[in-house]
Each structure stands twice: as C-alpha cells, then as structure tokens.
Amino acid sequence: MRIYTSYFAKVKTLQKNGIVPVSIARWSPRWYSGEKVLDASPTPDMLGGDMTREEYVARYSRILQKLDIKDFVNKIAKIGNGKPVALLCYEKPDDFCHRHLLAEYMNKNGYEVNEYKENEQLALF
C-alpha cells in the first residue's frame, strides 16, 4: 500500500487518481464526507495557534510516542482496501503541520510516506 500526505483542497484530484483520502485532522471541513482516523490528530488545545513551533512539536511528539503505529497503518490499509491512501489536513505542502511530523515518524518506523505530487506516476501494484 502506498501512503501519501496531502491537503483537503486536493481531495478531488486524489480521488480521480485512485487515491483514497483519509482525514487526520481533528476537525475536517464540513463538505468532507470521507474517512477519518483521529489517532494521530493534534489535541484541540494545540490548534489555537498560541504555542511556538517547538512547543507544538514537543506536544505532538508525545502523541506519536503513544501511537500504535502498526494499528494505525492497519486502519488506513483497511480503509484503502488495496488502493493508495492520502493522509489529509488543511495546510499546503510547504506549510508547517502535523502531517509532515507524522510522515517523518512513519518513515523512521519503516513505513514509506511521501507528499503527493500531481505529476507523479502511481504504481498501483
């Protein structure tokens, strides 16, 4: 299973390319009716914007330390049902956000995760 990260503005493009969107945001947009897995979402108090990046990273690191990564990957694999999945939040690719921290953590733990690029050729096997 291929795992990507992306953002909500790309949902239609992802779906058109056979990628199953999965929200990892604490709150998804009202129009989003897709799957959600909140195991790796920031806590509500982290979303007020009143903490430094260092504080945010430290708090999110504690969330990741508690995350059962195998269980998390199994959940998204079940949702994908053999198709690639994209873990979504709001921020654009170059913006700081938790999905990049999650991808880094997953990569360090043996799961390849990359930001989706529209011109990338997908290997669906």
Protein backbone atom coordinates (compact mmCIF):
# COMPACT_ATOMS: atom_id res chain seq x y z
CA MET A 1 0.00 0.00 0.00
CA ARG A 2 1.28 3.44 -0.93
CA ILE A 3 0.82 6.14 1.70
CA TYR A 4 0.84 9.80 0.82
CA THR A 5 0.18 13.03 2.64
CA SER A 6 -1.82 15.86 1.13
CA TYR A 7 -4.38 18.51 1.98
CA PHE A 8 -8.14 18.86 1.68
CA ALA A 9 -8.01 21.11 -1.40
CA LYS A 10 -6.68 18.11 -3.37
CA VAL A 11 -9.43 15.61 -2.48
CA LYS A 12 -11.00 15.53 -5.96
CA THR A 13 -7.60 15.17 -7.65
CA LEU A 14 -6.65 12.35 -5.28
CA GLN A 15 -9.90 10.51 -5.90
CA LYS A 16 -9.59 10.99 -9.66
CA ASN A 17 -6.16 9.33 -9.44
CA GLY A 18 -7.41 6.33 -7.44
CA ILE A 19 -6.11 7.52 -4.07
CA VAL A 20 -8.34 7.20 -1.03
CA PRO A 21 -8.38 10.37 1.09
CA VAL A 22 -8.25 9.91 4.87
CA SER A 23 -8.56 12.87 7.20
CA ILE A 24 -6.09 13.00 10.08
CA ALA A 25 -7.30 16.47 11.10
CA ARG A 26 -9.04 16.98 14.44
CA TRP A 27 -11.89 18.64 12.52
CA SER A 28 -12.46 18.15 8.82
CA PRO A 29 -14.16 20.65 6.51
CA ARG A 30 -17.96 20.49 6.55
CA TRP A 31 -18.03 19.39 2.92
CA TYR A 32 -15.64 16.47 3.53
CA SER A 33 -17.55 13.19 3.81
CA GLY A 34 -14.61 10.81 3.52
CA GLU A 35 -12.91 8.57 6.03
CA LYS A 36 -11.29 9.90 9.20
CA VAL A 37 -8.67 8.41 11.51
CA LEU A 38 -8.06 10.64 14.52
CA ASP A 39 -5.40 8.54 16.30
CA ALA A 40 -2.64 10.92 15.17
CA SER A 41 -4.61 14.18 15.29
CA PRO A 42 -3.44 17.11 17.37
CA THR A 43 -5.41 17.71 20.55
CA PRO A 44 -7.97 20.55 20.46
CA ASP A 45 -5.83 22.76 22.71
CA MET A 46 -2.93 22.51 20.23
CA LEU A 47 -4.97 24.18 17.50
CA GLY A 48 -5.35 27.64 18.97
CA GLY A 49 -2.14 28.91 17.42
CA ASP A 50 -0.81 30.25 20.69
CA MET A 51 2.18 27.93 21.08
CA THR A 52 5.59 28.09 19.46
CA ARG A 53 6.61 25.59 16.82
CA GLU A 54 8.96 23.97 19.35
CA GLU A 55 6.13 23.58 21.87
CA TYR A 56 3.86 22.16 19.17
CA VAL A 57 6.49 19.64 18.05
CA ALA A 58 7.12 18.57 21.65
CA ARG A 59 3.39 18.10 22.30
CA TYR A 60 2.83 16.26 19.03
CA SER A 61 5.85 14.04 19.70
CA ARG A 62 4.09 12.82 22.84
CA ILE A 63 1.04 11.92 20.74
CA LEU A 64 3.25 9.97 18.34
CA GLN A 65 5.01 8.15 21.19
CA LYS A 66 1.62 6.83 22.33
CA LEU A 67 0.53 5.90 18.81
CA ASP A 68 0.42 2.20 17.99
CA ILE A 69 1.92 2.64 14.53
CA LYS A 70 1.05 -0.88 13.33
CA ASP A 71 -2.56 -0.43 14.39
CA PHE A 72 -2.66 2.98 12.70
CA VAL A 73 -1.27 1.59 9.43
CA ASN A 74 -3.67 -1.36 9.59
CA LYS A 75 -6.62 1.04 9.96
CA ILE A 76 -5.64 3.09 6.94
CA ALA A 77 -4.84 -0.04 4.93
CA LYS A 78 -8.32 -1.37 5.66
CA ILE A 79 -9.83 1.93 4.54
CA GLY A 80 -7.71 1.90 1.37
CA ASN A 81 -8.75 -1.67 0.57
CA GLY A 82 -5.69 -2.21 -1.65
CA LYS A 83 -5.57 1.32 -3.04
CA PRO A 84 -3.11 4.07 -2.13
CA VAL A 85 -4.21 6.40 0.65
CA ALA A 86 -3.50 10.06 1.34
CA LEU A 87 -3.46 11.37 4.91
CA LEU A 88 -5.05 14.82 4.86
CA CYS A 89 -5.02 18.01 6.84
CA TYR A 90 -5.54 21.67 5.89
CA GLU A 91 -2.07 23.07 5.28
CA LYS A 92 -0.39 23.33 1.90
CA PRO A 93 2.71 21.19 1.27
CA ASP A 94 5.25 23.84 2.26
CA ASP A 95 3.41 24.90 5.43
CA PHE A 96 4.33 23.52 8.84
CA CYS A 97 1.77 20.97 10.07
CA HIS A 98 1.30 17.73 11.92
CA ARG A 99 1.02 15.58 8.77
CA HIS A 100 4.68 16.25 7.99
CA LEU A 101 5.66 15.27 11.54
CA LEU A 102 3.54 12.12 11.22
CA ALA A 103 5.10 11.25 7.85
CA GLU A 104 8.58 11.71 9.30
CA TYR A 105 7.69 9.47 12.24
CA MET A 106 6.21 6.81 9.96
CA ASN A 107 9.28 6.91 7.69
CA LYS A 108 11.54 6.40 10.73
CA ASN A 109 9.41 3.41 11.71
CA GLY A 110 9.61 1.59 8.40
CA TYR A 111 6.60 2.93 6.51
CA GLU A 112 7.30 4.96 3.39
CA VAL A 113 5.20 8.12 3.31
CA ASN A 114 5.62 10.96 0.79
CA GLU A 115 3.74 14.13 -0.04
CA TYR A 116 1.51 13.55 -3.08
CA LYS A 117 2.65 15.29 -6.25
CA GLU A 118 0.13 15.54 -9.06
CA ASN A 119 2.57 14.71 -11.84
CA GLU A 120 3.79 11.55 -10.13
CA GLN A 121 3.09 8.27 -11.87
CA LEU A 122 1.39 5.89 -9.45
CA ALA A 123 2.44 2.30 -9.15
CA LEU A 124 -0.84 0.66 -8.16
CA PHE A 125 0.53 -2.84 -7.70
